């Protein structure tokens, strides 16, 4: 799998290519299809990275601390 930066650069190339007025319809559809696949893959990767960052941000600083999951408010009355 290519790096995110490489795939993003390819997506930008495809975006520029599809703007070409002389691009045949079949080629435009192929470019569009490749772009959609890249965009969806990048979206999944970014969501995965975002999840990792959230986990890291909620990690306790010491072993005694528990991570805050934000599932329940302190005022829940339970």
N, C-alpha and C. Protein backbone atom coordinates (compact mmCIF):
# COMPACT_ATOMS: atom_id res chain seq x y z
N UNK A 1 0.84 -1.18 0.00
CA UNK A 1 0.00 0.00 0.00
C UNK A 1 0.88 1.24 0.00
N UNK A 2 0.51 2.21 -0.80
CA UNK A 2 1.27 3.45 -0.89
C UNK A 2 1.01 4.30 0.35
N UNK A 3 1.94 5.19 0.59
CA UNK A 3 1.78 6.13 1.70
C UNK A 3 0.61 7.07 1.42
N UNK A 4 0.06 7.61 2.48
CA UNK A 4 -1.06 8.53 2.36
C UNK A 4 -0.69 9.71 1.47
N UNK A 5 0.50 10.25 1.64
CA UNK A 5 0.92 11.40 0.87
C UNK A 5 0.96 11.08 -0.63
N UNK A 6 1.43 9.88 -0.97
CA UNK A 6 1.51 9.48 -2.38
C UNK A 6 0.12 9.33 -2.97
N UNK A 7 -0.79 8.73 -2.21
CA UNK A 7 -2.16 8.55 -2.70
C UNK A 7 -2.88 9.88 -2.83
N UNK A 8 -2.62 10.79 -1.90
CA UNK A 8 -3.23 12.12 -1.97
C UNK A 8 -2.72 12.88 -3.19
N UNK A 9 -1.43 12.76 -3.47
CA UNK A 9 -0.86 13.40 -4.65
C UNK A 9 -1.48 12.81 -5.93
N UNK A 10 -1.68 11.50 -5.95
CA UNK A 10 -2.31 10.87 -7.12
C UNK A 10 -3.75 11.36 -7.28
N UNK A 11 -4.46 11.51 -6.18
CA UNK A 11 -5.84 12.00 -6.22
C UNK A 11 -5.87 13.42 -6.79
N UNK A 12 -4.90 14.24 -6.41
CA UNK A 12 -4.82 15.60 -6.94
C UNK A 12 -4.54 15.58 -8.45
N UNK A 13 -3.67 14.65 -8.89
CA UNK A 13 -3.40 14.51 -10.32
C UNK A 13 -4.66 14.13 -11.08
N UNK A 14 -5.42 13.20 -10.50
CA UNK A 14 -6.66 12.76 -11.15
C UNK A 14 -7.67 13.90 -11.21
N UNK A 15 -7.73 14.71 -10.16
CA UNK A 15 -8.66 15.84 -10.15
C UNK A 15 -8.31 16.83 -11.26
N UNK A 16 -7.03 17.05 -11.48
CA UNK A 16 -6.62 17.96 -12.55
C UNK A 16 -6.90 17.34 -13.92
N UNK A 17 -6.66 16.05 -14.02
CA UNK A 17 -6.85 15.38 -15.31
C UNK A 17 -8.31 15.37 -15.74
N UNK A 18 -9.21 15.18 -14.79
CA UNK A 18 -10.63 15.09 -15.15
C UNK A 18 -11.18 16.44 -15.59
N UNK A 19 -10.47 17.52 -15.28
CA UNK A 19 -10.89 18.86 -15.70
C UNK A 19 -10.54 19.15 -17.16
N UNK A 20 -9.72 18.29 -17.76
CA UNK A 20 -9.30 18.50 -19.15
C UNK A 20 -10.50 18.39 -20.08
N UNK A 21 -10.63 19.38 -20.96
CA UNK A 21 -11.77 19.40 -21.89
C UNK A 21 -11.69 18.32 -22.95
N UNK A 22 -10.49 17.90 -23.33
CA UNK A 22 -10.34 16.93 -24.41
C UNK A 22 -10.26 15.49 -23.92
N UNK A 23 -10.57 15.25 -22.67
CA UNK A 23 -10.51 13.89 -22.11
C UNK A 23 -11.73 13.09 -22.60
N UNK A 24 -11.48 11.98 -23.29
CA UNK A 24 -12.60 11.16 -23.77
C UNK A 24 -13.44 10.63 -22.59
N UNK A 25 -14.72 10.40 -22.85
CA UNK A 25 -15.65 10.01 -21.81
C UNK A 25 -15.20 8.73 -21.09
N UNK A 26 -14.77 7.74 -21.83
CA UNK A 26 -14.32 6.48 -21.22
C UNK A 26 -13.14 6.72 -20.27
N UNK A 27 -12.21 7.56 -20.68
CA UNK A 27 -11.07 7.88 -19.84
C UNK A 27 -11.51 8.67 -18.61
N UNK A 28 -12.46 9.58 -18.80
CA UNK A 28 -12.97 10.38 -17.68
C UNK A 28 -13.63 9.47 -16.63
N UNK A 29 -14.37 8.48 -17.10
CA UNK A 29 -15.02 7.55 -16.18
C UNK A 29 -13.97 6.73 -15.43
N UNK A 30 -12.93 6.30 -16.12
CA UNK A 30 -11.86 5.54 -15.47
C UNK A 30 -11.12 6.39 -14.44
N UNK A 31 -10.85 7.65 -14.78
CA UNK A 31 -10.19 8.56 -13.85
C UNK A 31 -11.08 8.80 -12.64
N UNK A 32 -12.37 9.02 -12.88
CA UNK A 32 -13.32 9.23 -11.80
C UNK A 32 -13.37 8.01 -10.88
N UNK A 33 -13.43 6.82 -11.45
CA UNK A 33 -13.49 5.59 -10.66
C UNK A 33 -12.23 5.43 -9.79
N UNK A 34 -11.07 5.67 -10.36
CA UNK A 34 -9.84 5.58 -9.59
C UNK A 34 -9.83 6.61 -8.46
N UNK A 35 -10.31 7.82 -8.78
CA UNK A 35 -10.36 8.87 -7.77
C UNK A 35 -11.28 8.52 -6.60
N UNK A 36 -12.43 7.95 -6.91
CA UNK A 36 -13.37 7.56 -5.85
C UNK A 36 -12.76 6.49 -4.97
N UNK A 37 -12.12 5.51 -5.57
CA UNK A 37 -11.47 4.44 -4.78
C UNK A 37 -10.39 5.01 -3.88
N UNK A 38 -9.58 5.91 -4.43
CA UNK A 38 -8.53 6.54 -3.62
C UNK A 38 -9.13 7.35 -2.48
N UNK A 39 -10.17 8.13 -2.78
CA UNK A 39 -10.79 8.99 -1.76
C UNK A 39 -11.38 8.15 -0.64
N UNK A 40 -12.05 7.06 -0.98
CA UNK A 40 -12.64 6.21 0.06
C UNK A 40 -11.56 5.54 0.91
N UNK A 41 -10.49 5.10 0.27
CA UNK A 41 -9.38 4.49 1.02
C UNK A 41 -8.72 5.50 1.95
N UNK A 42 -8.51 6.71 1.45
CA UNK A 42 -7.92 7.76 2.29
C UNK A 42 -8.84 8.11 3.45
N UNK A 43 -10.13 8.15 3.20
CA UNK A 43 -11.09 8.45 4.26
C UNK A 43 -11.03 7.39 5.37
N UNK A 44 -10.94 6.13 4.97
CA UNK A 44 -10.83 5.04 5.97
C UNK A 44 -9.53 5.18 6.77
N UNK A 45 -8.44 5.45 6.08
CA UNK A 45 -7.15 5.59 6.75
C UNK A 45 -7.16 6.76 7.72
N UNK A 46 -7.72 7.88 7.31
CA UNK A 46 -7.78 9.05 8.18
C UNK A 46 -8.66 8.79 9.40
N UNK A 47 -9.76 8.07 9.23
CA UNK A 47 -10.61 7.73 10.36
C UNK A 47 -9.86 6.84 11.35
N UNK A 48 -9.07 5.90 10.82
CA UNK A 48 -8.28 5.01 11.66
C UNK A 48 -7.23 5.81 12.44
N UNK A 49 -6.58 6.73 11.76
CA UNK A 49 -5.56 7.57 12.41
C UNK A 49 -6.21 8.44 13.47
N UNK A 50 -7.36 9.00 13.16
CA UNK A 50 -8.07 9.84 14.13
C UNK A 50 -8.41 9.04 15.38
N UNK A 51 -8.82 7.78 15.20
CA UNK A 51 -9.11 6.92 16.34
C UNK A 51 -7.88 6.69 17.20
N UNK A 52 -6.74 6.48 16.57
CA UNK A 52 -5.50 6.28 17.32
C UNK A 52 -5.13 7.53 18.11
N UNK A 53 -5.29 8.69 17.47
CA UNK A 53 -4.97 9.95 18.14
C UNK A 53 -5.87 10.14 19.36
N UNK A 54 -7.16 9.84 19.21
CA UNK A 54 -8.08 9.97 20.34
C UNK A 54 -7.67 9.04 21.48
N UNK A 55 -7.28 7.81 21.15
CA UNK A 55 -6.82 6.89 22.19
C UNK A 55 -5.58 7.42 22.90
N UNK A 56 -4.66 7.95 22.13
CA UNK A 56 -3.43 8.48 22.72
C UNK A 56 -3.72 9.69 23.60
N UNK A 57 -4.64 10.53 23.17
CA UNK A 57 -4.98 11.72 23.95
C UNK A 57 -5.67 11.35 25.27
N UNK A 58 -6.36 10.23 25.30
CA UNK A 58 -7.08 9.81 26.50
C UNK A 58 -6.28 8.85 27.37
N UNK A 59 -5.05 8.55 26.97
CA UNK A 59 -4.22 7.64 27.77
C UNK A 59 -3.87 8.30 29.09
N UNK A 60 -3.87 7.53 30.17
CA UNK A 60 -3.46 8.10 31.46
C UNK A 60 -1.98 8.46 31.44
N UNK A 61 -1.64 9.51 32.19
CA UNK A 61 -0.24 9.92 32.25
C UNK A 61 0.56 9.00 33.16
N UNK A 62 -0.11 8.40 34.15
CA UNK A 62 0.57 7.45 35.02
C UNK A 62 -0.30 6.20 35.13
N UNK A 63 0.26 5.15 35.68
CA UNK A 63 -0.47 3.89 35.78
C UNK A 63 -1.66 3.99 36.72
N UNK A 64 -1.63 4.92 37.68
CA UNK A 64 -2.72 5.06 38.64
C UNK A 64 -3.95 5.72 38.02
N UNK A 65 -3.74 6.55 37.02
CA UNK A 65 -4.84 7.26 36.38
C UNK A 65 -5.58 6.33 35.44
N UNK A 66 -6.88 6.52 35.36
CA UNK A 66 -7.68 5.76 34.42
C UNK A 66 -8.04 6.69 33.26
N UNK A 67 -8.12 6.17 32.05
CA UNK A 67 -8.48 7.03 30.92
C UNK A 67 -9.93 7.47 31.02
N UNK A 68 -10.21 8.69 30.57
CA UNK A 68 -11.57 9.20 30.53
C UNK A 68 -12.19 8.78 29.21
N UNK A 69 -13.23 7.98 29.30
CA UNK A 69 -13.87 7.49 28.08
C UNK A 69 -15.01 8.39 27.64
N UNK A 70 -15.48 9.24 28.55
CA UNK A 70 -16.57 10.15 28.20
C UNK A 70 -17.89 9.45 28.00
N UNK A 71 -18.04 8.27 28.57
CA UNK A 71 -19.28 7.54 28.40
C UNK A 71 -20.38 8.00 29.35
N UNK A 72 -19.99 8.38 30.55
CA UNK A 72 -20.96 8.78 31.55
C UNK A 72 -20.52 10.08 32.18
N UNK A 73 -21.46 10.96 32.42
CA UNK A 73 -21.17 12.19 33.14
C UNK A 73 -21.09 11.89 34.62
N UNK A 74 -20.34 12.73 35.35
CA UNK A 74 -20.24 12.57 36.81
C UNK A 74 -21.58 12.85 37.47
N UNK A 75 -22.46 13.61 36.84
CA UNK A 75 -23.75 13.98 37.40
C UNK A 75 -24.85 13.01 37.03
N UNK A 76 -24.51 11.75 36.71
CA UNK A 76 -25.52 10.81 36.23
C UNK A 76 -26.47 10.37 37.32
N UNK A 77 -26.11 10.54 38.58
CA UNK A 77 -26.99 10.17 39.68
C UNK A 77 -27.04 8.69 39.94
N UNK A 78 -26.19 7.92 39.32
CA UNK A 78 -26.21 6.47 39.50
C UNK A 78 -25.37 6.04 40.67
